[in-house]
């Protein structure tokens, strides 16, 4: 059995965050990040592509858990 990620870090994928922390879906939606298109991208890459402040994005994801 795979170990569950305990915190959300910039280098894990969108899909992994959604799998381990399903309540984050509202944050991804608010920032315009869809799992179907960005699932294999890291949090950092997804934020960078959309000019999203990484620190604020990570904070929002972590607070939603």
PDB file of N, CA and C in Angstrom:
ATOM      1  N   UNK A   1       0.840  -1.186   0.000  1.00  0.00           N
ATOM      2  CA  UNK A   1       0.000   0.000   0.000  1.00  0.00           C
ATOM      3  C   UNK A   1       0.877   1.239   0.000  1.00  0.00           C
ATOM      4  N   UNK A   2       0.568   2.192  -0.880  1.00  0.00           N
ATOM      5  CA  UNK A   2       1.350   3.417  -0.983  1.00  0.00           C
ATOM      6  C   UNK A   2       1.130   4.293   0.237  1.00  0.00           C
ATOM      7  N   UNK A   3       2.181   4.981   0.638  1.00  0.00           N
ATOM      8  CA  UNK A   3       2.082   5.890   1.777  1.00  0.00           C
ATOM      9  C   UNK A   3       1.390   7.169   1.347  1.00  0.00           C
ATOM     10  N   UNK A   4       0.449   7.617   2.143  1.00  0.00           N
ATOM     11  CA  UNK A   4      -0.278   8.841   1.817  1.00  0.00           C
ATOM     12  C   UNK A   4       0.595  10.051   2.105  1.00  0.00           C
ATOM     13  N   UNK A   5       0.550  11.014   1.200  1.00  0.00           N
ATOM     14  CA  UNK A   5       1.246  12.269   1.410  1.00  0.00           C
ATOM     15  C   UNK A   5       0.609  12.986   2.581  1.00  0.00           C
ATOM     16  N   UNK A   6       1.410  13.459   3.519  1.00  0.00           N
ATOM     17  CA  UNK A   6       0.870  14.105   4.711  1.00  0.00           C
ATOM     18  C   UNK A   6       0.723  15.614   4.543  1.00  0.00           C
ATOM     19  N   UNK A   7       1.518  16.202   3.691  1.00  0.00           N
ATOM     20  CA  UNK A   7       1.405  17.632   3.441  1.00  0.00           C
ATOM     21  C   UNK A   7       1.410  17.876   1.937  1.00  0.00           C
ATOM     22  N   UNK A   8       0.922  19.009   1.570  1.00  0.00           N
ATOM     23  CA  UNK A   8       0.891  19.387   0.161  1.00  0.00           C
ATOM     24  C   UNK A   8       2.138  20.210  -0.126  1.00  0.00           C
ATOM     25  N   UNK A   9       2.965  19.677  -1.003  1.00  0.00           N
ATOM     26  CA  UNK A   9       4.210  20.334  -1.390  1.00  0.00           C
ATOM     27  C   UNK A   9       4.163  20.686  -2.865  1.00  0.00           C
ATOM     28  N   UNK A  10       5.010  21.597  -3.285  1.00  0.00           N
ATOM     29  CA  UNK A  10       4.978  22.112  -4.653  1.00  0.00           C
ATOM     30  C   UNK A  10       5.329  21.077  -5.716  1.00  0.00           C
ATOM     31  N   UNK A  11       6.034  20.021  -5.339  1.00  0.00           N
ATOM     32  CA  UNK A  11       6.501  19.064  -6.342  1.00  0.00           C
ATOM     33  C   UNK A  11       5.584  17.855  -6.533  1.00  0.00           C
ATOM     34  N   UNK A  12       4.485  17.755  -5.784  1.00  0.00           N
ATOM     35  CA  UNK A  12       3.569  16.642  -6.019  1.00  0.00           C
ATOM     36  C   UNK A  12       2.547  17.032  -7.084  1.00  0.00           C
ATOM     37  N   UNK A  13       1.947  16.029  -7.698  1.00  0.00           N
ATOM     38  CA  UNK A  13       1.038  16.309  -8.807  1.00  0.00           C
ATOM     39  C   UNK A  13      -0.345  16.724  -8.326  1.00  0.00           C
ATOM     40  N   UNK A  14      -1.047  17.393  -9.211  1.00  0.00           N
ATOM     41  CA  UNK A  14      -2.432  17.793  -8.954  1.00  0.00           C
ATOM     42  C   UNK A  14      -3.258  16.553  -8.635  1.00  0.00           C
ATOM     43  N   UNK A  15      -3.092  15.492  -9.413  1.00  0.00           N
ATOM     44  CA  UNK A  15      -3.852  14.254  -9.200  1.00  0.00           C
ATOM     45  C   UNK A  15      -3.584  13.668  -7.821  1.00  0.00           C
ATOM     46  N   UNK A  16      -2.338  13.698  -7.388  1.00  0.00           N
ATOM     47  CA  UNK A  16      -1.990  13.158  -6.081  1.00  0.00           C
ATOM     48  C   UNK A  16      -2.644  13.966  -4.961  1.00  0.00           C
ATOM     49  N   UNK A  17      -2.637  15.270  -5.100  1.00  0.00           N
ATOM     50  CA  UNK A  17      -3.287  16.121  -4.091  1.00  0.00           C
ATOM     51  C   UNK A  17      -4.772  15.805  -4.038  1.00  0.00           C
ATOM     52  N   UNK A  18      -5.411  15.741  -5.189  1.00  0.00           N
ATOM     53  CA  UNK A  18      -6.851  15.462  -5.217  1.00  0.00           C
ATOM     54  C   UNK A  18      -7.170  14.077  -4.664  1.00  0.00           C
ATOM     55  N   UNK A  19      -6.331  13.120  -4.942  1.00  0.00           N
ATOM     56  CA  UNK A  19      -6.549  11.763  -4.434  1.00  0.00           C
ATOM     57  C   UNK A  19      -6.420  11.727  -2.903  1.00  0.00           C
ATOM     58  N   UNK A  20      -5.415  12.395  -2.374  1.00  0.00           N
ATOM     59  CA  UNK A  20      -5.154  12.357  -0.936  1.00  0.00           C
ATOM     60  C   UNK A  20      -5.948  13.380  -0.133  1.00  0.00           C
ATOM     61  N   UNK A  21      -6.348  14.465  -0.792  1.00  0.00           N
ATOM     62  CA  UNK A  21      -7.053  15.551  -0.113  1.00  0.00           C
ATOM     63  C   UNK A  21      -8.235  16.008  -0.973  1.00  0.00           C
ATOM     64  N   UNK A  22      -9.295  15.213  -1.045  1.00  0.00           N
ATOM     65  CA  UNK A  22     -10.409  15.515  -1.953  1.00  0.00           C
ATOM     66  C   UNK A  22     -11.064  16.879  -1.728  1.00  0.00           C
ATOM     67  N   UNK A  23     -10.962  17.415  -0.523  1.00  0.00           N
ATOM     68  CA  UNK A  23     -11.585  18.728  -0.261  1.00  0.00           C
ATOM     69  C   UNK A  23     -10.872  19.874  -0.980  1.00  0.00           C
ATOM     70  N   UNK A  24      -9.713  19.606  -1.568  1.00  0.00           N
ATOM     71  CA  UNK A  24      -8.997  20.661  -2.288  1.00  0.00           C
ATOM     72  C   UNK A  24      -9.614  20.974  -3.649  1.00  0.00           C
ATOM     73  N   UNK A  25     -10.575  20.173  -4.076  1.00  0.00           N
ATOM     74  CA  UNK A  25     -11.158  20.382  -5.410  1.00  0.00           C
ATOM     75  C   UNK A  25     -11.704  21.796  -5.575  1.00  0.00           C
ATOM     76  N   UNK A  26     -12.261  22.366  -4.526  1.00  0.00           N
ATOM     77  CA  UNK A  26     -12.804  23.727  -4.636  1.00  0.00           C
ATOM     78  C   UNK A  26     -11.693  24.751  -4.865  1.00  0.00           C
ATOM     79  N   UNK A  27     -10.531  24.517  -4.289  1.00  0.00           N
ATOM     80  CA  UNK A  27      -9.399  25.431  -4.493  1.00  0.00           C
ATOM     81  C   UNK A  27      -8.911  25.332  -5.934  1.00  0.00           C
ATOM     82  N   UNK A  28      -8.763  24.119  -6.433  1.00  0.00           N
ATOM     83  CA  UNK A  28      -8.348  23.954  -7.831  1.00  0.00           C
ATOM     84  C   UNK A  28      -9.350  24.614  -8.771  1.00  0.00           C
ATOM     85  N   UNK A  29     -10.618  24.449  -8.496  1.00  0.00           N
ATOM     86  CA  UNK A  29     -11.659  25.067  -9.327  1.00  0.00           C
ATOM     87  C   UNK A  29     -11.550  26.590  -9.295  1.00  0.00           C
ATOM     88  N   UNK A  30     -11.359  27.131  -8.113  1.00  0.00           N
ATOM     89  CA  UNK A  30     -11.257  28.594  -7.957  1.00  0.00           C
ATOM     90  C   UNK A  30     -10.081  29.154  -8.759  1.00  0.00           C
ATOM     91  N   UNK A  31      -8.996  28.394  -8.845  1.00  0.00           N
ATOM     92  CA  UNK A  31      -7.810  28.832  -9.568  1.00  0.00           C
ATOM     93  C   UNK A  31      -7.803  28.392 -11.035  1.00  0.00           C
ATOM     94  N   UNK A  32      -8.849  27.702 -11.468  1.00  0.00           N
ATOM     95  CA  UNK A  32      -8.958  27.295 -12.870  1.00  0.00           C
ATOM     96  C   UNK A  32      -8.066  26.137 -13.264  1.00  0.00           C
ATOM     97  N   UNK A  33      -7.798  25.248 -12.318  1.00  0.00           N
ATOM     98  CA  UNK A  33      -6.947  24.087 -12.593  1.00  0.00           C
ATOM     99  C   UNK A  33      -7.812  22.842 -12.560  1.00  0.00           C
ATOM    100  N   UNK A  34      -7.895  22.164 -13.706  1.00  0.00           N
ATOM    101  CA  UNK A  34      -8.729  20.965 -13.829  1.00  0.00           C
ATOM    102  C   UNK A  34      -7.858  19.712 -13.791  1.00  0.00           C
ATOM    103  N   UNK A  35      -8.296  18.726 -13.036  1.00  0.00           N
ATOM    104  CA  UNK A  35      -7.537  17.482 -12.907  1.00  0.00           C
ATOM    105  C   UNK A  35      -7.400  16.769 -14.250  1.00  0.00           C
ATOM    106  N   UNK A  36      -8.418  16.876 -15.100  1.00  0.00           N
ATOM    107  CA  UNK A  36      -8.365  16.173 -16.383  1.00  0.00           C
ATOM    108  C   UNK A  36      -7.235  16.686 -17.276  1.00  0.00           C
ATOM    109  N   UNK A  37      -6.950  17.961 -17.195  1.00  0.00           N
ATOM    110  CA  UNK A  37      -5.926  18.557 -18.056  1.00  0.00           C
ATOM    111  C   UNK A  37      -4.566  18.686 -17.363  1.00  0.00           C
ATOM    112  N   UNK A  38      -4.582  18.849 -16.050  1.00  0.00           N
ATOM    113  CA  UNK A  38      -3.356  19.166 -15.311  1.00  0.00           C
ATOM    114  C   UNK A  38      -2.973  18.101 -14.302  1.00  0.00           C
ATOM    115  N   UNK A  39      -3.663  16.995 -14.295  1.00  0.00           N
ATOM    116  CA  UNK A  39      -3.466  15.990 -13.269  1.00  0.00           C
ATOM    117  C   UNK A  39      -2.044  15.518 -13.080  1.00  0.00           C
ATOM    118  N   UNK A  40      -1.294  15.409 -14.145  1.00  0.00           N
ATOM    119  CA  UNK A  40       0.071  14.902 -14.041  1.00  0.00           C
ATOM    120  C   UNK A  40       1.107  16.008 -13.833  1.00  0.00           C
ATOM    121  N   UNK A  41       0.654  17.244 -13.803  1.00  0.00           N
ATOM    122  CA  UNK A  41       1.562  18.364 -13.549  1.00  0.00           C
ATOM    123  C   UNK A  41       1.768  18.533 -12.051  1.00  0.00           C
ATOM    124  N   UNK A  42       2.925  19.050 -11.693  1.00  0.00           N
ATOM    125  CA  UNK A  42       3.159  19.377 -10.291  1.00  0.00           C
ATOM    126  C   UNK A  42       2.349  20.627  -9.928  1.00  0.00           C
ATOM    127  N   UNK A  43       2.169  20.816  -8.649  1.00  0.00           N
ATOM    128  CA  UNK A  43       1.496  22.016  -8.165  1.00  0.00           C
ATOM    129  C   UNK A  43       2.252  23.253  -8.659  1.00  0.00           C
ATOM    130  N   UNK A  44       3.567  23.201  -8.570  1.00  0.00           N
ATOM    131  CA  UNK A  44       4.396  24.332  -8.989  1.00  0.00           C
ATOM    132  C   UNK A  44       4.210  24.636 -10.479  1.00  0.00           C
ATOM    133  N   UNK A  45       4.232  23.624 -11.328  1.00  0.00           N
ATOM    134  CA  UNK A  45       4.081  23.827 -12.765  1.00  0.00           C
ATOM    135  C   UNK A  45       2.695  24.369 -13.109  1.00  0.00           C
ATOM    136  N   UNK A  46       1.679  23.846 -12.444  1.00  0.00           N
ATOM    137  CA  UNK A  46       0.314  24.310 -12.690  1.00  0.00           C
ATOM    138  C   UNK A  46       0.159  25.773 -12.319  1.00  0.00           C
ATOM    139  N   UNK A  47       0.737  26.154 -11.189  1.00  0.00           N
ATOM    140  CA  UNK A  47       0.675  27.554 -10.754  1.00  0.00           C
ATOM    141  C   UNK A  47       1.449  28.453 -11.708  1.00  0.00           C
ATOM    142  N   UNK A  48       2.622  28.013 -12.092  1.00  0.00           N
ATOM    143  CA  UNK A  48       3.476  28.808 -12.975  1.00  0.00           C
ATOM    144  C   UNK A  48       2.807  29.066 -14.324  1.00  0.00           C
ATOM    145  N   UNK A  49       2.194  28.039 -14.893  1.00  0.00           N
ATOM    146  CA  UNK A  49       1.519  28.179 -16.188  1.00  0.00           C
ATOM    147  C   UNK A  49       0.415  29.224 -16.165  1.00  0.00           C
ATOM    148  N   UNK A  50      -0.183  29.402 -15.004  1.00  0.00           N
ATOM    149  CA  UNK A  50      -1.328  30.311 -14.885  1.00  0.00           C
ATOM    150  C   UNK A  50      -0.988  31.610 -14.163  1.00  0.00           C
ATOM    151  N   UNK A  51       0.302  31.850 -13.940  1.00  0.00           N
ATOM    152  CA  UNK A  51       0.758  33.049 -13.231  1.00  0.00           C
ATOM    153  C   UNK A  51       0.100  33.197 -11.855  1.00  0.00           C
ATOM    154  N   UNK A  52      -0.021  32.069 -11.158  1.00  0.00           N
ATOM    155  CA  UNK A  52      -0.580  32.041  -9.812  1.00  0.00           C
ATOM    156  C   UNK A  52       0.580  32.104  -8.824  1.00  0.00           C
ATOM    157  N   UNK A  53       0.450  32.928  -7.805  1.00  0.00           N
ATOM    158  CA  UNK A  53       1.458  33.003  -6.753  1.00  0.00           C
ATOM    159  C   UNK A  53       1.510  31.647  -6.035  1.00  0.00           C
ATOM    160  N   UNK A  54       2.648  30.980  -6.112  1.00  0.00           N
ATOM    161  CA  UNK A  54       2.784  29.631  -5.580  1.00  0.00           C
ATOM    162  C   UNK A  54       2.543  29.577  -4.078  1.00  0.00           C
ATOM    163  N   UNK A  55       3.098  30.523  -3.338  1.00  0.00           N
ATOM    164  CA  UNK A  55       2.932  30.507  -1.878  1.00  0.00           C
ATOM    165  C   UNK A  55       1.462  30.650  -1.483  1.00  0.00           C
ATOM    166  N   UNK A  56       0.751  31.547  -2.146  1.00  0.00           N
ATOM    167  CA  UNK A  56      -0.675  31.731  -1.848  1.00  0.00           C
ATOM    168  C   UNK A  56      -1.476  30.495  -2.234  1.00  0.00           C
ATOM    169  N   UNK A  57      -1.138  29.901  -3.361  1.00  0.00           N
ATOM    170  CA  UNK A  57      -1.837  28.715  -3.837  1.00  0.00           C
ATOM    171  C   UNK A  57      -1.634  27.548  -2.863  1.00  0.00           C
ATOM    172  N   UNK A  58      -0.392  27.310  -2.466  1.00  0.00           N
ATOM    173  CA  UNK A  58      -0.110  26.243  -1.509  1.00  0.00           C
ATOM    174  C   UNK A  58      -0.841  26.490  -0.188  1.00  0.00           C
ATOM    175  N   UNK A  59      -0.848  27.726   0.254  1.00  0.00           N
ATOM    176  CA  UNK A  59      -1.543  28.069   1.500  1.00  0.00           C
ATOM    177  C   UNK A  59      -3.034  27.754   1.381  1.00  0.00           C
ATOM    178  N   UNK A  60      -3.640  28.133   0.278  1.00  0.00           N
ATOM    179  CA  UNK A  60      -5.073  27.869   0.070  1.00  0.00           C
ATOM    180  C   UNK A  60      -5.334  26.367   0.042  1.00  0.00           C
ATOM    181  N   UNK A  61      -4.494  25.608  -0.614  1.00  0.00           N
ATOM    182  CA  UNK A  61      -4.664  24.154  -0.666  1.00  0.00           C
ATOM    183  C   UNK A  61      -4.543  23.550   0.726  1.00  0.00           C
ATOM    184  N   UNK A  62      -3.527  23.962   1.453  1.00  0.00           N
ATOM    185  CA  UNK A  62      -3.295  23.407   2.793  1.00  0.00           C
ATOM    186  C   UNK A  62      -4.431  23.766   3.747  1.00  0.00           C
ATOM    187  N   UNK A  63      -4.953  24.975   3.647  1.00  0.00           N
ATOM    188  CA  UNK A  63      -6.058  25.391   4.531  1.00  0.00           C
ATOM    189  C   UNK A  63      -7.345  24.651   4.228  1.00  0.00           C
ATOM    190  N   UNK A  64      -7.500  24.156   3.009  1.00  0.00           N
ATOM    191  CA  UNK A  64      -8.746  23.480   2.626  1.00  0.00           C
ATOM    192  C   UNK A  64      -8.822  22.039   3.132  1.00  0.00           C
ATOM    193  N   UNK A  65      -7.713  21.507   3.582  1.00  0.00           N
ATOM    194  CA  UNK A  65      -7.664  20.094   4.004  1.00  0.00           C
ATOM    195  C   UNK A  65      -8.387  19.842   5.310  1.00  0.00           C
TER     196      UNK A  65
END
